[in-house]
Amino acid sequence: MKTFKDLVFKKHSSGLGVHATEKFDNGFELSVVAGEHLYSTPRESSNDVNFFSTFEIAIFDMTGGFITRQIIGGDDDVAGFKSRDEISSIMERLTNIR
């Protein structure tokens, strides 16, 4: 099973942070971002994933619609300040949804 360590981070399209996505066999997709203006710690610009201790995530269904709320709760399409361990747990959960 994949964990946070398996995510491949690239420079965020804004140029102010990092971004990784993971597509699961069941069609779900996880987006993980960190950087300036994002719900991460710190909320500063860096292209080094190790600079960040928490991240903002979004989860999408097979059609690209947000399902973050349905999967992990909350009241927004994104969930902020998620640790590496929390993201690994979410990845495990997404893997096991049929």
N, C-alpha and C. Protein backbone atom coordinates (compact mmCIF):
# COMPACT_ATOMS: atom_id res chain seq x y z
N MET A 1 0.83 -1.18 0.00
CA MET A 1 0.00 0.00 0.00
C MET A 1 0.88 1.25 0.00
N LYS A 2 0.43 2.26 -0.73
CA LYS A 2 1.19 3.50 -0.82
C LYS A 2 0.95 4.37 0.40
N THR A 3 1.98 5.13 0.75
CA THR A 3 1.91 6.07 1.87
C THR A 3 2.41 7.44 1.41
N PHE A 4 2.44 8.37 2.33
CA PHE A 4 2.91 9.72 2.02
C PHE A 4 4.29 9.68 1.35
N LYS A 5 5.15 8.78 1.81
CA LYS A 5 6.52 8.68 1.26
C LYS A 5 6.53 8.37 -0.23
N ASP A 6 5.46 7.78 -0.74
CA ASP A 6 5.39 7.41 -2.16
C ASP A 6 4.96 8.57 -3.05
N LEU A 7 4.45 9.63 -2.47
CA LEU A 7 4.00 10.77 -3.27
C LEU A 7 5.19 11.45 -3.94
N VAL A 8 5.00 11.84 -5.18
CA VAL A 8 6.05 12.53 -5.94
C VAL A 8 5.65 14.00 -6.04
N PHE A 9 6.38 14.84 -5.34
CA PHE A 9 6.07 16.26 -5.29
C PHE A 9 6.82 17.01 -6.39
N LYS A 10 6.10 17.96 -6.97
CA LYS A 10 6.66 18.85 -7.98
C LYS A 10 6.37 20.28 -7.55
N LYS A 11 6.95 21.20 -8.24
CA LYS A 11 6.69 22.61 -7.97
C LYS A 11 5.21 22.90 -8.25
N HIS A 12 4.56 23.58 -7.32
CA HIS A 12 3.15 23.95 -7.49
C HIS A 12 3.01 24.89 -8.67
N SER A 13 1.90 24.82 -9.38
CA SER A 13 1.68 25.66 -10.56
C SER A 13 1.77 27.15 -10.25
N SER A 14 1.50 27.54 -9.01
CA SER A 14 1.63 28.95 -8.61
C SER A 14 3.09 29.35 -8.45
N GLY A 15 3.98 28.36 -8.35
CA GLY A 15 5.39 28.63 -8.12
C GLY A 15 5.70 28.91 -6.66
N LEU A 16 4.70 28.78 -5.79
CA LEU A 16 4.87 29.16 -4.39
C LEU A 16 4.77 27.98 -3.43
N GLY A 17 5.09 26.78 -3.89
CA GLY A 17 4.99 25.60 -3.02
C GLY A 17 5.16 24.32 -3.80
N VAL A 18 4.62 23.24 -3.23
CA VAL A 18 4.74 21.91 -3.82
C VAL A 18 3.37 21.28 -4.00
N HIS A 19 3.31 20.29 -4.91
CA HIS A 19 2.04 19.64 -5.23
C HIS A 19 2.32 18.19 -5.65
N ALA A 20 1.48 17.28 -5.17
CA ALA A 20 1.53 15.87 -5.59
C ALA A 20 0.11 15.36 -5.73
N THR A 21 -0.07 14.41 -6.65
CA THR A 21 -1.37 13.76 -6.79
C THR A 21 -1.15 12.24 -6.79
N GLU A 22 -2.17 11.55 -6.36
CA GLU A 22 -2.16 10.08 -6.38
C GLU A 22 -3.51 9.61 -6.86
N LYS A 23 -3.52 8.83 -7.92
CA LYS A 23 -4.75 8.24 -8.46
C LYS A 23 -4.84 6.81 -7.96
N PHE A 24 -6.00 6.43 -7.45
CA PHE A 24 -6.21 5.10 -6.90
C PHE A 24 -6.95 4.23 -7.90
N ASP A 25 -6.79 2.90 -7.76
CA ASP A 25 -7.39 1.95 -8.69
C ASP A 25 -8.91 2.09 -8.76
N ASN A 26 -9.54 2.56 -7.68
CA ASN A 26 -10.99 2.70 -7.66
C ASN A 26 -11.47 4.02 -8.29
N GLY A 27 -10.53 4.81 -8.83
CA GLY A 27 -10.89 6.04 -9.53
C GLY A 27 -10.77 7.31 -8.71
N PHE A 28 -10.61 7.18 -7.39
CA PHE A 28 -10.44 8.37 -6.56
C PHE A 28 -9.06 8.98 -6.79
N GLU A 29 -8.96 10.28 -6.52
CA GLU A 29 -7.69 10.97 -6.66
C GLU A 29 -7.47 11.86 -5.44
N LEU A 30 -6.25 11.85 -4.95
CA LEU A 30 -5.85 12.68 -3.82
C LEU A 30 -4.88 13.74 -4.31
N SER A 31 -5.13 14.98 -3.94
CA SER A 31 -4.23 16.09 -4.23
C SER A 31 -3.65 16.58 -2.91
N VAL A 32 -2.34 16.74 -2.86
CA VAL A 32 -1.65 17.21 -1.66
C VAL A 32 -0.80 18.41 -2.04
N VAL A 33 -1.02 19.53 -1.35
CA VAL A 33 -0.28 20.76 -1.65
C VAL A 33 0.23 21.40 -0.36
N ALA A 34 1.25 22.24 -0.51
CA ALA A 34 1.77 23.03 0.61
C ALA A 34 2.46 24.25 0.03
N GLY A 35 2.36 25.34 0.75
CA GLY A 35 3.05 26.55 0.31
C GLY A 35 2.32 27.81 0.70
N GLU A 36 2.77 28.89 0.13
CA GLU A 36 2.20 30.20 0.41
C GLU A 36 0.72 30.24 0.03
N HIS A 37 -0.11 30.78 0.90
CA HIS A 37 -1.55 30.93 0.71
C HIS A 37 -2.31 29.60 0.78
N LEU A 38 -1.66 28.53 1.20
CA LEU A 38 -2.30 27.22 1.32
C LEU A 38 -2.38 26.84 2.79
N TYR A 39 -3.27 25.90 3.12
CA TYR A 39 -3.45 25.46 4.50
C TYR A 39 -2.38 24.44 4.88
N SER A 40 -1.15 24.94 5.03
CA SER A 40 0.00 24.11 5.35
C SER A 40 0.82 24.81 6.42
N THR A 41 1.75 24.06 6.99
CA THR A 41 2.68 24.63 7.96
C THR A 41 4.09 24.39 7.46
N PRO A 42 4.85 25.47 7.27
CA PRO A 42 4.45 26.87 7.33
C PRO A 42 3.68 27.26 6.07
N ARG A 43 3.12 28.44 6.10
CA ARG A 43 2.37 28.96 4.94
C ARG A 43 3.30 29.91 4.18
N GLU A 44 4.44 29.36 3.80
CA GLU A 44 5.47 30.12 3.09
C GLU A 44 5.85 29.37 1.82
N SER A 45 6.56 30.04 0.96
CA SER A 45 6.96 29.46 -0.31
C SER A 45 8.23 28.62 -0.16
N SER A 46 8.20 27.41 -0.71
CA SER A 46 9.37 26.55 -0.80
C SER A 46 9.08 25.45 -1.81
N ASN A 47 10.11 25.02 -2.52
CA ASN A 47 9.97 23.90 -3.45
C ASN A 47 10.48 22.60 -2.84
N ASP A 48 10.77 22.62 -1.53
CA ASP A 48 11.28 21.45 -0.82
C ASP A 48 10.19 20.90 0.10
N VAL A 49 9.71 19.71 -0.20
CA VAL A 49 8.62 19.10 0.58
C VAL A 49 9.01 18.95 2.05
N ASN A 50 10.30 18.78 2.35
CA ASN A 50 10.75 18.61 3.72
C ASN A 50 10.66 19.90 4.54
N PHE A 51 10.43 21.02 3.89
CA PHE A 51 10.25 22.31 4.55
C PHE A 51 8.92 22.35 5.30
N PHE A 52 7.97 21.51 4.90
CA PHE A 52 6.60 21.55 5.42
C PHE A 52 6.33 20.41 6.41
N SER A 53 5.56 20.73 7.45
CA SER A 53 5.17 19.71 8.42
C SER A 53 3.70 19.31 8.27
N THR A 54 2.87 20.19 7.70
CA THR A 54 1.48 19.83 7.40
C THR A 54 1.12 20.31 6.00
N PHE A 55 0.03 19.72 5.46
CA PHE A 55 -0.33 19.92 4.06
C PHE A 55 -1.83 20.11 3.91
N GLU A 56 -2.23 20.70 2.79
CA GLU A 56 -3.64 20.82 2.41
C GLU A 56 -3.95 19.69 1.44
N ILE A 57 -5.12 19.06 1.61
CA ILE A 57 -5.50 17.97 0.70
C ILE A 57 -6.88 18.22 0.11
N ALA A 58 -7.12 17.59 -1.02
CA ALA A 58 -8.44 17.51 -1.63
C ALA A 58 -8.59 16.11 -2.20
N ILE A 59 -9.82 15.59 -2.15
CA ILE A 59 -10.10 14.27 -2.69
C ILE A 59 -11.18 14.41 -3.75
N PHE A 60 -10.96 13.73 -4.88
CA PHE A 60 -11.87 13.81 -6.02
C PHE A 60 -12.41 12.44 -6.39
N ASP A 61 -13.65 12.43 -6.92
CA ASP A 61 -14.23 11.18 -7.41
C ASP A 61 -13.79 10.94 -8.85
N MET A 62 -14.37 9.93 -9.49
CA MET A 62 -13.98 9.55 -10.84
C MET A 62 -14.27 10.62 -11.89
N THR A 63 -15.19 11.53 -11.59
CA THR A 63 -15.54 12.58 -12.55
C THR A 63 -14.83 13.90 -12.25
N GLY A 64 -13.97 13.90 -11.22
CA GLY A 64 -13.24 15.11 -10.87
C GLY A 64 -13.96 15.99 -9.86
N GLY A 65 -15.09 15.52 -9.33
CA GLY A 65 -15.83 16.28 -8.34
C GLY A 65 -15.23 16.12 -6.95
N PHE A 66 -15.27 17.18 -6.18
CA PHE A 66 -14.77 17.14 -4.81
C PHE A 66 -15.59 16.17 -3.96
N ILE A 67 -14.92 15.30 -3.21
CA ILE A 67 -15.59 14.41 -2.25
C ILE A 67 -14.87 14.42 -0.90
N THR A 68 -14.06 15.43 -0.67
CA THR A 68 -13.29 15.51 0.57
C THR A 68 -14.19 15.41 1.78
N ARG A 69 -15.29 16.17 1.77
CA ARG A 69 -16.21 16.17 2.92
C ARG A 69 -16.78 14.79 3.19
N GLN A 70 -17.17 14.08 2.14
CA GLN A 70 -17.78 12.77 2.30
C GLN A 70 -16.79 11.74 2.84
N ILE A 71 -15.52 11.90 2.51
CA ILE A 71 -14.51 10.92 2.91
C ILE A 71 -13.97 11.19 4.31
N ILE A 72 -13.65 12.45 4.62
CA ILE A 72 -13.02 12.72 5.92
C ILE A 72 -13.80 13.70 6.78
N GLY A 73 -14.95 14.15 6.32
CA GLY A 73 -15.74 15.09 7.10
C GLY A 73 -15.30 16.52 6.86
N GLY A 74 -15.79 17.40 7.70
CA GLY A 74 -15.48 18.81 7.54
C GLY A 74 -16.55 19.51 6.74
N ASP A 75 -16.31 20.77 6.47
CA ASP A 75 -17.32 21.57 5.78
C ASP A 75 -16.76 22.31 4.58
N ASP A 76 -15.65 21.81 4.03
CA ASP A 76 -15.02 22.47 2.89
C ASP A 76 -14.57 21.42 1.88
N ASP A 77 -14.29 21.88 0.67
CA ASP A 77 -13.82 20.96 -0.37
C ASP A 77 -12.37 20.56 -0.17
N VAL A 78 -11.65 21.29 0.67
CA VAL A 78 -10.27 20.95 1.00
C VAL A 78 -10.16 20.78 2.51
N ALA A 79 -9.13 20.08 2.94
CA ALA A 79 -8.85 19.90 4.37
C ALA A 79 -7.40 20.32 4.60
N GLY A 80 -7.21 21.21 5.53
CA GLY A 80 -5.88 21.75 5.76
C GLY A 80 -5.17 21.18 6.96
N PHE A 81 -3.88 21.47 6.99
CA PHE A 81 -3.01 21.17 8.12
C PHE A 81 -2.99 19.68 8.47
N LYS A 82 -2.90 18.83 7.44
CA LYS A 82 -2.83 17.37 7.62
C LYS A 82 -1.36 16.93 7.69
N SER A 83 -1.05 16.12 8.70
CA SER A 83 0.31 15.61 8.86
C SER A 83 0.58 14.50 7.85
N ARG A 84 1.83 14.13 7.74
CA ARG A 84 2.22 13.02 6.86
C ARG A 84 1.50 11.73 7.27
N ASP A 85 1.43 11.48 8.58
CA ASP A 85 0.75 10.26 9.06
C ASP A 85 -0.74 10.30 8.75
N GLU A 86 -1.37 11.45 8.94
CA GLU A 86 -2.79 11.57 8.61
C GLU A 86 -3.03 11.32 7.12
N ILE A 87 -2.14 11.84 6.29
CA ILE A 87 -2.29 11.65 4.84
C ILE A 87 -2.09 10.18 4.49
N SER A 88 -1.13 9.51 5.11
CA SER A 88 -0.95 8.07 4.87
C SER A 88 -2.21 7.29 5.26
N SER A 89 -2.83 7.66 6.38
CA SER A 89 -4.07 7.00 6.80
C SER A 89 -5.20 7.24 5.81
N ILE A 90 -5.29 8.45 5.30
CA ILE A 90 -6.31 8.78 4.30
C ILE A 90 -6.06 7.98 3.03
N MET A 91 -4.79 7.84 2.64
CA MET A 91 -4.45 7.06 1.46
C MET A 91 -4.86 5.60 1.65
N GLU A 92 -4.64 5.05 2.83
CA GLU A 92 -5.08 3.68 3.11
C GLU A 92 -6.58 3.56 3.01
N ARG A 93 -7.27 4.52 3.56
CA ARG A 93 -8.74 4.52 3.51
C ARG A 93 -9.23 4.57 2.07
N LEU A 94 -8.63 5.44 1.27
CA LEU A 94 -9.04 5.57 -0.14
C LEU A 94 -8.77 4.28 -0.91
N THR A 95 -7.68 3.63 -0.61
CA THR A 95 -7.33 2.36 -1.27
C THR A 95 -8.40 1.30 -1.00
N ASN A 96 -8.96 1.30 0.19
CA ASN A 96 -9.90 0.25 0.61
C ASN A 96 -11.35 0.51 0.27
N ILE A 97 -11.67 1.67 -0.30
CA ILE A 97 -13.06 1.95 -0.70
C ILE A 97 -13.32 1.25 -2.02
N ARG A 98 -14.39 0.51 -2.07
CA ARG A 98 -14.74 -0.22 -3.31
C ARG A 98 -15.93 0.41 -3.97
